[in-house]
Amino acid sequence: MNNDVRRLAADLDKKAARALPAVAAVVAKGANNIKKQMRDEATSQGSYQHFHRTIGYDLRKGGLEAEIGPDKDKMQGPLGNLLYFGTSRSGPVLDIDSAPDAEEPNFHRFLEQVTEEL
């Protein structure tokens, strides 16, 4: 029985090692899709006409995590808090949940494909 457990553990380690690059690719594609939609939604000719250029993403933890949103170090990047969350006197102008909510079904579908292929 002990040998069976070791073989199973070794097999699971191999599959996990093969899965990580595929999962990282799904995360990167999802992050890019969310970034694109957020940029499209933020395009304006008004007082925040350059804000959409500040939206990007960074991959972390070996590509298994993504941080998506405006870069506060870029021109008009600090407007993100006002545009997405509003102020005490006005509501938000943009919906921060719109793009992630739209991408969620695709993200889950592609993760399921990765697990099925293993």
C-alpha atoms as a PDB file:
ATOM      1  CA  MET A   1       0.000   0.000   0.000  1.00  0.00           C
ATOM      2  CA  ASN A   2       2.815   2.397   0.806  1.00  0.00           C
ATOM      3  CA  ASN A   3       4.241   2.016  -2.725  1.00  0.00           C
ATOM      4  CA  ASP A   4       0.814   2.744  -4.234  1.00  0.00           C
ATOM      5  CA  VAL A   5       0.561   5.972  -2.264  1.00  0.00           C
ATOM      6  CA  ARG A   6       4.037   7.013  -3.369  1.00  0.00           C
ATOM      7  CA  ARG A   7       3.229   6.296  -7.019  1.00  0.00           C
ATOM      8  CA  LEU A   8       0.000   8.280  -6.740  1.00  0.00           C
ATOM      9  CA  ALA A   9       1.852  11.200  -5.130  1.00  0.00           C
ATOM     10  CA  ALA A  10       4.508  11.117  -7.858  1.00  0.00           C
ATOM     11  CA  ASP A  11       1.826  11.027 -10.568  1.00  0.00           C
ATOM     12  CA  LEU A  12      -0.002  13.980  -9.013  1.00  0.00           C
ATOM     13  CA  ASP A  13       3.266  15.951  -8.804  1.00  0.00           C
ATOM     14  CA  LYS A  14       3.900  15.372 -12.523  1.00  0.00           C
ATOM     15  CA  LYS A  15       0.384  16.471 -13.458  1.00  0.00           C
ATOM     16  CA  ALA A  16       0.598  19.563 -11.278  1.00  0.00           C
ATOM     17  CA  ALA A  17       3.922  20.511 -12.867  1.00  0.00           C
ATOM     18  CA  ARG A  18       2.341  20.170 -16.334  1.00  0.00           C
ATOM     19  CA  ALA A  19      -0.740  22.140 -15.263  1.00  0.00           C
ATOM     20  CA  LEU A  20       1.031  25.238 -13.928  1.00  0.00           C
ATOM     21  CA  PRO A  21       2.130  26.671 -17.308  1.00  0.00           C
ATOM     22  CA  ALA A  22      -1.327  26.032 -18.773  1.00  0.00           C
ATOM     23  CA  VAL A  23      -3.053  27.695 -15.810  1.00  0.00           C
ATOM     24  CA  ALA A  24      -0.635  30.627 -16.018  1.00  0.00           C
ATOM     25  CA  ALA A  25      -1.553  31.044 -19.703  1.00  0.00           C
ATOM     26  CA  VAL A  26      -5.261  31.116 -18.786  1.00  0.00           C
ATOM     27  CA  VAL A  27      -4.599  33.743 -16.108  1.00  0.00           C
ATOM     28  CA  ALA A  28      -2.558  35.883 -18.537  1.00  0.00           C
ATOM     29  CA  LYS A  29      -5.228  35.698 -21.250  1.00  0.00           C
ATOM     30  CA  GLY A  30      -7.975  36.554 -18.764  1.00  0.00           C
ATOM     31  CA  ALA A  31      -5.983  39.488 -17.370  1.00  0.00           C
ATOM     32  CA  ASN A  32      -5.394  40.817 -20.868  1.00  0.00           C
ATOM     33  CA  ASN A  33      -9.095  40.519 -21.756  1.00  0.00           C
ATOM     34  CA  ILE A  34     -10.087  42.343 -18.564  1.00  0.00           C
ATOM     35  CA  LYS A  35      -7.514  45.070 -19.234  1.00  0.00           C
ATOM     36  CA  LYS A  36      -8.816  45.567 -22.774  1.00  0.00           C
ATOM     37  CA  GLN A  37     -12.431  45.872 -21.646  1.00  0.00           C
ATOM     38  CA  MET A  38     -11.522  48.239 -18.813  1.00  0.00           C
ATOM     39  CA  ARG A  39      -9.622  50.415 -21.297  1.00  0.00           C
ATOM     40  CA  ASP A  40     -12.545  50.395 -23.718  1.00  0.00           C
ATOM     41  CA  GLU A  41     -14.957  51.395 -20.956  1.00  0.00           C
ATOM     42  CA  ALA A  42     -12.639  54.160 -19.702  1.00  0.00           C
ATOM     43  CA  THR A  43     -12.047  55.858 -23.054  1.00  0.00           C
ATOM     44  CA  SER A  44     -13.329  59.418 -22.820  1.00  0.00           C
ATOM     45  CA  GLN A  45     -12.958  62.732 -24.528  1.00  0.00           C
ATOM     46  CA  GLY A  46     -13.782  64.529 -21.296  1.00  0.00           C
ATOM     47  CA  SER A  47     -11.686  65.433 -18.319  1.00  0.00           C
ATOM     48  CA  TYR A  48     -10.147  61.971 -18.051  1.00  0.00           C
ATOM     49  CA  GLN A  49      -9.236  61.454 -21.700  1.00  0.00           C
ATOM     50  CA  HIS A  50      -5.851  59.862 -20.896  1.00  0.00           C
ATOM     51  CA  PHE A  51      -7.004  57.643 -18.031  1.00  0.00           C
ATOM     52  CA  HIS A  52      -7.584  54.546 -20.185  1.00  0.00           C
ATOM     53  CA  ARG A  53      -3.859  54.466 -21.040  1.00  0.00           C
ATOM     54  CA  THR A  54      -3.001  53.880 -17.380  1.00  0.00           C
ATOM     55  CA  ILE A  55      -4.854  50.550 -17.178  1.00  0.00           C
ATOM     56  CA  GLY A  56      -2.635  47.490 -17.319  1.00  0.00           C
ATOM     57  CA  TYR A  57      -1.868  44.301 -15.458  1.00  0.00           C
ATOM     58  CA  ASP A  58       0.992  42.607 -13.663  1.00  0.00           C
ATOM     59  CA  LEU A  59       1.351  38.843 -13.349  1.00  0.00           C
ATOM     60  CA  ARG A  60       2.558  37.530 -10.001  1.00  0.00           C
ATOM     61  CA  LYS A  61       3.245  34.246  -8.241  1.00  0.00           C
ATOM     62  CA  GLY A  62       4.600  32.581 -11.350  1.00  0.00           C
ATOM     63  CA  GLY A  63       1.749  33.858 -13.491  1.00  0.00           C
ATOM     64  CA  LEU A  64      -0.940  32.344 -11.265  1.00  0.00           C
ATOM     65  CA  GLU A  65      -2.177  35.734 -10.048  1.00  0.00           C
ATOM     66  CA  ALA A  66      -2.842  39.020 -11.828  1.00  0.00           C
ATOM     67  CA  GLU A  67      -3.304  42.565 -10.568  1.00  0.00           C
ATOM     68  CA  ILE A  68      -5.324  44.598 -13.052  1.00  0.00           C
ATOM     69  CA  GLY A  69      -6.134  48.296 -12.987  1.00  0.00           C
ATOM     70  CA  PRO A  70      -4.814  51.827 -13.349  1.00  0.00           C
ATOM     71  CA  ASP A  71      -1.177  52.607 -12.635  1.00  0.00           C
ATOM     72  CA  LYS A  72      -1.114  55.552 -10.243  1.00  0.00           C
ATOM     73  CA  ASP A  73       2.364  56.529 -11.434  1.00  0.00           C
ATOM     74  CA  LYS A  74       1.063  57.364 -14.927  1.00  0.00           C
ATOM     75  CA  MET A  75      -0.675  60.538 -16.027  1.00  0.00           C
ATOM     76  CA  GLN A  76      -4.279  60.499 -14.735  1.00  0.00           C
ATOM     77  CA  GLY A  77      -3.713  57.119 -13.051  1.00  0.00           C
ATOM     78  CA  PRO A  78      -4.609  58.505  -9.607  1.00  0.00           C
ATOM     79  CA  LEU A  79      -8.095  59.307 -10.952  1.00  0.00           C
ATOM     80  CA  GLY A  80      -8.907  55.592 -10.662  1.00  0.00           C
ATOM     81  CA  ASN A  81     -10.237  55.903  -7.124  1.00  0.00           C
ATOM     82  CA  LEU A  82     -12.580  58.732  -8.120  1.00  0.00           C
ATOM     83  CA  LEU A  83     -13.739  57.132 -11.359  1.00  0.00           C
ATOM     84  CA  TYR A  84     -14.324  53.651  -9.930  1.00  0.00           C
ATOM     85  CA  PHE A  85     -15.488  54.455  -6.399  1.00  0.00           C
ATOM     86  CA  GLY A  86     -16.770  58.032  -6.531  1.00  0.00           C
ATOM     87  CA  THR A  87     -16.499  60.624  -3.795  1.00  0.00           C
ATOM     88  CA  SER A  88     -18.572  61.612  -0.783  1.00  0.00           C
ATOM     89  CA  ARG A  89     -20.527  63.928  -3.094  1.00  0.00           C
ATOM     90  CA  SER A  90     -20.761  61.917  -6.307  1.00  0.00           C
ATOM     91  CA  GLY A  91     -21.046  58.323  -7.372  1.00  0.00           C
ATOM     92  CA  PRO A  92     -18.631  56.336  -9.518  1.00  0.00           C
ATOM     93  CA  VAL A  93     -18.337  57.068 -13.232  1.00  0.00           C
ATOM     94  CA  LEU A  94     -16.978  53.622 -14.204  1.00  0.00           C
ATOM     95  CA  ASP A  95     -17.919  50.111 -13.081  1.00  0.00           C
ATOM     96  CA  ILE A  96     -14.858  48.280 -11.708  1.00  0.00           C
ATOM     97  CA  ASP A  97     -16.679  44.921 -11.697  1.00  0.00           C
ATOM     98  CA  SER A  98     -17.926  44.987 -15.278  1.00  0.00           C
ATOM     99  CA  ALA A  99     -14.854  43.539 -17.014  1.00  0.00           C
ATOM    100  CA  PRO A 100     -14.020  40.836 -14.425  1.00  0.00           C
ATOM    101  CA  ASP A 101     -17.667  39.739 -14.354  1.00  0.00           C
ATOM    102  CA  ALA A 102     -17.726  39.485 -18.156  1.00  0.00           C
ATOM    103  CA  GLU A 103     -14.499  37.440 -18.245  1.00  0.00           C
ATOM    104  CA  GLU A 104     -15.390  35.055 -15.405  1.00  0.00           C
ATOM    105  CA  PRO A 105     -17.325  32.452 -17.491  1.00  0.00           C
ATOM    106  CA  ASN A 106     -14.500  32.257 -20.057  1.00  0.00           C
ATOM    107  CA  PHE A 107     -11.892  31.956 -17.310  1.00  0.00           C
ATOM    108  CA  HIS A 108     -13.736  29.062 -15.685  1.00  0.00           C
ATOM    109  CA  ARG A 109     -14.309  27.338 -19.028  1.00  0.00           C
ATOM    110  CA  PHE A 110     -10.628  27.451 -19.948  1.00  0.00           C
ATOM    111  CA  LEU A 111      -9.542  26.255 -16.487  1.00  0.00           C
ATOM    112  CA  GLU A 112     -11.930  23.305 -16.862  1.00  0.00           C
ATOM    113  CA  GLN A 113     -10.343  22.499 -20.237  1.00  0.00           C
ATOM    114  CA  VAL A 114      -6.896  22.492 -18.620  1.00  0.00           C
ATOM    115  CA  THR A 115      -7.989  20.096 -15.889  1.00  0.00           C
ATOM    116  CA  GLU A 116      -9.762  17.809 -18.351  1.00  0.00           C
ATOM    117  CA  GLU A 117      -6.657  17.593 -20.535  1.00  0.00           C
ATOM    118  CA  LEU A 118      -4.679  16.332 -17.556  1.00  0.00           C
END
